[in-house]
């Protein structure tokens, strides 16, 4: 089994050393687990409305 971290770098805050935005699990098939955090911009500020936080 192979674990592949996916950390977006554009339009979202950077991940800390103990966190990834998503992790892909490769083996007999492929699974992608996505973190359920709210949408924050690079400055870690939420958007002005609910819809902009639920991308």
PDB file of N, CA and C in Angstrom:
ATOM      1  N   UNK A   1       0.852  -1.178   0.000  1.00  0.00           N
ATOM      2  CA  UNK A   1       0.000   0.000   0.000  1.00  0.00           C
ATOM      3  C   UNK A   1       0.892   1.232   0.000  1.00  0.00           C
ATOM      4  N   UNK A   2       0.526   2.195  -0.798  1.00  0.00           N
ATOM      5  CA  UNK A   2       1.282   3.453  -0.914  1.00  0.00           C
ATOM      6  C   UNK A   2       0.382   4.606  -0.497  1.00  0.00           C
ATOM      7  N   UNK A   3       0.913   5.513   0.330  1.00  0.00           N
ATOM      8  CA  UNK A   3       0.183   6.704   0.756  1.00  0.00           C
ATOM      9  C   UNK A   3       0.782   7.921   0.058  1.00  0.00           C
ATOM     10  N   UNK A   4      -0.060   8.715  -0.584  1.00  0.00           N
ATOM     11  CA  UNK A   4       0.388   9.912  -1.301  1.00  0.00           C
ATOM     12  C   UNK A   4      -0.347  11.113  -0.722  1.00  0.00           C
ATOM     13  N   UNK A   5       0.401  12.035  -0.132  1.00  0.00           N
ATOM     14  CA  UNK A   5      -0.194  13.249   0.435  1.00  0.00           C
ATOM     15  C   UNK A   5      -0.476  14.258  -0.671  1.00  0.00           C
ATOM     16  N   UNK A   6      -1.580  14.981  -0.536  1.00  0.00           N
ATOM     17  CA  UNK A   6      -1.943  16.034  -1.489  1.00  0.00           C
ATOM     18  C   UNK A   6      -2.205  17.310  -0.694  1.00  0.00           C
ATOM     19  N   UNK A   7      -1.354  18.281  -0.839  1.00  0.00           N
ATOM     20  CA  UNK A   7      -1.521  19.568  -0.181  1.00  0.00           C
ATOM     21  C   UNK A   7      -1.611  20.654  -1.235  1.00  0.00           C
ATOM     22  N   UNK A   8      -2.767  21.264  -1.339  1.00  0.00           N
ATOM     23  CA  UNK A   8      -2.947  22.369  -2.276  1.00  0.00           C
ATOM     24  C   UNK A   8      -2.077  23.526  -1.834  1.00  0.00           C
ATOM     25  N   UNK A   9      -1.595  24.292  -2.782  1.00  0.00           N
ATOM     26  CA  UNK A   9      -0.737  25.433  -2.446  1.00  0.00           C
ATOM     27  C   UNK A   9      -1.316  26.753  -2.923  1.00  0.00           C
ATOM     28  N   UNK A  10      -2.371  26.692  -3.719  1.00  0.00           N
ATOM     29  CA  UNK A  10      -2.925  27.920  -4.280  1.00  0.00           C
ATOM     30  C   UNK A  10      -4.351  28.137  -3.783  1.00  0.00           C
ATOM     31  N   UNK A  11      -4.608  29.267  -3.164  1.00  0.00           N
ATOM     32  CA  UNK A  11      -5.947  29.631  -2.761  1.00  0.00           C
ATOM     33  C   UNK A  11      -6.403  29.107  -1.413  1.00  0.00           C
ATOM     34  N   UNK A  12      -5.570  28.315  -0.746  1.00  0.00           N
ATOM     35  CA  UNK A  12      -5.911  27.798   0.582  1.00  0.00           C
ATOM     36  C   UNK A  12      -4.713  27.976   1.504  1.00  0.00           C
ATOM     37  N   UNK A  13      -4.964  27.837   2.799  1.00  0.00           N
ATOM     38  CA  UNK A  13      -3.866  27.977   3.751  1.00  0.00           C
ATOM     39  C   UNK A  13      -2.928  26.773   3.658  1.00  0.00           C
ATOM     40  N   UNK A  14      -1.698  26.960   4.004  1.00  0.00           N
ATOM     41  CA  UNK A  14      -0.725  25.869   3.963  1.00  0.00           C
ATOM     42  C   UNK A  14      -0.969  24.915   5.121  1.00  0.00           C
ATOM     43  N   UNK A  15      -0.691  23.660   4.890  1.00  0.00           N
ATOM     44  CA  UNK A  15      -0.879  22.640   5.915  1.00  0.00           C
ATOM     45  C   UNK A  15       0.271  22.692   6.916  1.00  0.00           C
ATOM     46  N   UNK A  16      -0.018  22.242   8.131  1.00  0.00           N
ATOM     47  CA  UNK A  16       1.029  22.151   9.149  1.00  0.00           C
ATOM     48  C   UNK A  16       1.750  20.813   8.997  1.00  0.00           C
ATOM     49  N   UNK A  17       2.814  20.605   9.762  1.00  0.00           N
ATOM     50  CA  UNK A  17       3.607  19.380   9.648  1.00  0.00           C
ATOM     51  C   UNK A  17       2.810  18.120   9.993  1.00  0.00           C
ATOM     52  N   UNK A  18       1.765  18.256  10.800  1.00  0.00           N
ATOM     53  CA  UNK A  18       0.999  17.084  11.229  1.00  0.00           C
ATOM     54  C   UNK A  18      -0.357  16.972  10.524  1.00  0.00           C
ATOM     55  N   UNK A  19      -0.509  17.598   9.364  1.00  0.00           N
ATOM     56  CA  UNK A  19      -1.791  17.649   8.672  1.00  0.00           C
ATOM     57  C   UNK A  19      -1.574  17.675   7.173  1.00  0.00           C
ATOM     58  N   UNK A  20      -2.449  17.010   6.433  1.00  0.00           N
ATOM     59  CA  UNK A  20      -2.482  17.118   4.967  1.00  0.00           C
ATOM     60  C   UNK A  20      -3.921  17.407   4.549  1.00  0.00           C
ATOM     61  N   UNK A  21      -4.095  18.102   3.443  1.00  0.00           N
ATOM     62  CA  UNK A  21      -5.434  18.413   2.958  1.00  0.00           C
ATOM     63  C   UNK A  21      -6.145  17.155   2.445  1.00  0.00           C
ATOM     64  N   UNK A  22      -5.401  16.234   1.865  1.00  0.00           N
ATOM     65  CA  UNK A  22      -5.982  14.984   1.377  1.00  0.00           C
ATOM     66  C   UNK A  22      -4.882  13.930   1.315  1.00  0.00           C
ATOM     67  N   UNK A  23      -5.288  12.672   1.456  1.00  0.00           N
ATOM     68  CA  UNK A  23      -4.321  11.581   1.315  1.00  0.00           C
ATOM     69  C   UNK A  23      -4.915  10.523   0.401  1.00  0.00           C
ATOM     70  N   UNK A  24      -4.115  10.081  -0.536  1.00  0.00           N
ATOM     71  CA  UNK A  24      -4.526   9.057  -1.487  1.00  0.00           C
ATOM     72  C   UNK A  24      -3.906   7.737  -1.042  1.00  0.00           C
ATOM     73  N   UNK A  25      -4.701   6.688  -1.032  1.00  0.00           N
ATOM     74  CA  UNK A  25      -4.213   5.364  -0.660  1.00  0.00           C
ATOM     75  C   UNK A  25      -4.220   4.512  -1.916  1.00  0.00           C
ATOM     76  N   UNK A  26      -3.037   4.076  -2.337  1.00  0.00           N
ATOM     77  CA  UNK A  26      -2.925   3.257  -3.540  1.00  0.00           C
ATOM     78  C   UNK A  26      -2.609   1.817  -3.144  1.00  0.00           C
ATOM     79  N   UNK A  27      -3.260   0.908  -3.775  1.00  0.00           N
ATOM     80  CA  UNK A  27      -3.038  -0.513  -3.523  1.00  0.00           C
ATOM     81  C   UNK A  27      -3.727  -1.257  -4.642  1.00  0.00           C
ATOM     82  N   UNK A  28      -4.610  -2.180  -4.289  1.00  0.00           N
ATOM     83  CA  UNK A  28      -5.381  -2.904  -5.297  1.00  0.00           C
ATOM     84  C   UNK A  28      -6.341  -1.960  -6.030  1.00  0.00           C
ATOM     85  N   UNK A  29      -6.725  -0.891  -5.357  1.00  0.00           N
ATOM     86  CA  UNK A  29      -7.578   0.148  -5.938  1.00  0.00           C
ATOM     87  C   UNK A  29      -7.041   1.493  -5.478  1.00  0.00           C
ATOM     88  N   UNK A  30      -7.783   2.544  -5.697  1.00  0.00           N
ATOM     89  CA  UNK A  30      -7.342   3.857  -5.235  1.00  0.00           C
ATOM     90  C   UNK A  30      -8.448   4.487  -4.401  1.00  0.00           C
ATOM     91  N   UNK A  31      -8.053   5.036  -3.265  1.00  0.00           N
ATOM     92  CA  UNK A  31      -8.959   5.776  -2.395  1.00  0.00           C
ATOM     93  C   UNK A  31      -8.347   7.139  -2.133  1.00  0.00           C
ATOM     94  N   UNK A  32      -9.182   8.149  -2.037  1.00  0.00           N
ATOM     95  CA  UNK A  32      -8.714   9.490  -1.708  1.00  0.00           C
ATOM     96  C   UNK A  32      -9.531   9.979  -0.527  1.00  0.00           C
ATOM     97  N   UNK A  33      -8.857  10.264   0.582  1.00  0.00           N
ATOM     98  CA  UNK A  33      -9.514  10.792   1.769  1.00  0.00           C
ATOM     99  C   UNK A  33      -9.234  12.282   1.830  1.00  0.00           C
ATOM    100  N   UNK A  34     -10.288  13.077   1.906  1.00  0.00           N
ATOM    101  CA  UNK A  34     -10.162  14.533   1.904  1.00  0.00           C
ATOM    102  C   UNK A  34     -10.526  15.054   3.287  1.00  0.00           C
ATOM    103  N   UNK A  35      -9.726  15.976   3.797  1.00  0.00           N
ATOM    104  CA  UNK A  35      -9.990  16.561   5.108  1.00  0.00           C
ATOM    105  C   UNK A  35     -11.277  17.379   5.073  1.00  0.00           C
ATOM    106  N   UNK A  36     -11.982  17.391   6.171  1.00  0.00           N
ATOM    107  CA  UNK A  36     -13.261  18.089   6.230  1.00  0.00           C
ATOM    108  C   UNK A  36     -13.169  19.448   6.895  1.00  0.00           C
ATOM    109  N   UNK A  37     -12.110  20.170   6.639  1.00  0.00           N
ATOM    110  CA  UNK A  37     -11.981  21.486   7.237  1.00  0.00           C
ATOM    111  C   UNK A  37     -12.728  22.519   6.407  1.00  0.00           C
ATOM    112  N   UNK A  38     -13.068  23.625   7.022  1.00  0.00           N
ATOM    113  CA  UNK A  38     -13.745  24.688   6.288  1.00  0.00           C
ATOM    114  C   UNK A  38     -12.778  25.404   5.361  1.00  0.00           C
ATOM    115  N   UNK A  39     -13.308  26.021   4.328  1.00  0.00           N
ATOM    116  CA  UNK A  39     -12.469  26.727   3.369  1.00  0.00           C
ATOM    117  C   UNK A  39     -11.890  28.008   3.939  1.00  0.00           C
ATOM    118  N   UNK A  40     -10.576  28.070   4.004  1.00  0.00           N
ATOM    119  CA  UNK A  40      -9.891  29.272   4.471  1.00  0.00           C
ATOM    120  C   UNK A  40      -8.943  29.737   3.389  1.00  0.00           C
ATOM    121  N   UNK A  41      -8.730  31.032   3.304  1.00  0.00           N
ATOM    122  CA  UNK A  41      -7.790  31.558   2.323  1.00  0.00           C
ATOM    123  C   UNK A  41      -6.355  31.409   2.857  1.00  0.00           C
ATOM    124  N   UNK A  42      -5.333  31.778   2.073  1.00  0.00           N
ATOM    125  CA  UNK A  42      -3.959  31.625   2.525  1.00  0.00           C
ATOM    126  C   UNK A  42      -3.643  32.329   3.849  1.00  0.00           C
ATOM    127  N   UNK A  43      -4.407  33.353   4.196  1.00  0.00           N
ATOM    128  CA  UNK A  43      -4.192  34.057   5.466  1.00  0.00           C
ATOM    129  C   UNK A  43      -4.996  33.414   6.603  1.00  0.00           C
ATOM    130  N   UNK A  44      -5.590  32.249   6.319  1.00  0.00           N
ATOM    131  CA  UNK A  44      -6.400  31.488   7.292  1.00  0.00           C
ATOM    132  C   UNK A  44      -7.674  32.212   7.701  1.00  0.00           C
ATOM    133  N   UNK A  45      -8.238  33.011   6.786  1.00  0.00           N
ATOM    134  CA  UNK A  45      -9.486  33.737   7.033  1.00  0.00           C
ATOM    135  C   UNK A  45     -10.621  33.064   6.250  1.00  0.00           C
ATOM    136  N   UNK A  46     -11.790  32.889   6.866  1.00  0.00           N
ATOM    137  CA  UNK A  46     -12.921  32.311   6.133  1.00  0.00           C
ATOM    138  C   UNK A  46     -13.475  33.307   5.125  1.00  0.00           C
ATOM    139  N   UNK A  47     -14.172  32.779   4.125  1.00  0.00           N
ATOM    140  CA  UNK A  47     -14.812  33.635   3.137  1.00  0.00           C
ATOM    141  C   UNK A  47     -15.969  34.409   3.754  1.00  0.00           C
ATOM    142  N   UNK A  48     -16.525  35.385   3.043  1.00  0.00           N
ATOM    143  CA  UNK A  48     -17.571  36.239   3.600  1.00  0.00           C
ATOM    144  C   UNK A  48     -18.943  35.556   3.716  1.00  0.00           C
ATOM    145  N   UNK A  49     -19.154  34.432   3.042  1.00  0.00           N
ATOM    146  CA  UNK A  49     -20.457  33.782   3.079  1.00  0.00           C
ATOM    147  C   UNK A  49     -20.301  32.270   3.177  1.00  0.00           C
ATOM    148  N   UNK A  50     -21.350  31.592   3.611  1.00  0.00           N
ATOM    149  CA  UNK A  50     -21.311  30.140   3.784  1.00  0.00           C
ATOM    150  C   UNK A  50     -20.869  29.437   2.519  1.00  0.00           C
ATOM    151  N   UNK A  51     -21.391  29.850   1.368  1.00  0.00           N
ATOM    152  CA  UNK A  51     -21.093  29.173   0.115  1.00  0.00           C
ATOM    153  C   UNK A  51     -19.599  29.210  -0.211  1.00  0.00           C
ATOM    154  N   UNK A  52     -18.929  30.294   0.073  1.00  0.00           N
ATOM    155  CA  UNK A  52     -17.491  30.388  -0.228  1.00  0.00           C
ATOM    156  C   UNK A  52     -16.658  29.530   0.707  1.00  0.00           C
ATOM    157  N   UNK A  53     -17.247  29.060   1.819  1.00  0.00           N
ATOM    158  CA  UNK A  53     -16.523  28.181   2.750  1.00  0.00           C
ATOM    159  C   UNK A  53     -16.784  26.708   2.498  1.00  0.00           C
ATOM    160  N   UNK A  54     -17.601  26.389   1.547  1.00  0.00           N
ATOM    161  CA  UNK A  54     -17.982  24.985   1.313  1.00  0.00           C
ATOM    162  C   UNK A  54     -17.605  24.528  -0.092  1.00  0.00           C
ATOM    163  N   UNK A  55     -16.396  24.789  -0.465  1.00  0.00           N
ATOM    164  CA  UNK A  55     -15.916  24.420  -1.803  1.00  0.00           C
ATOM    165  C   UNK A  55     -15.627  22.944  -1.842  1.00  0.00           C
TER     166      UNK A  55
END
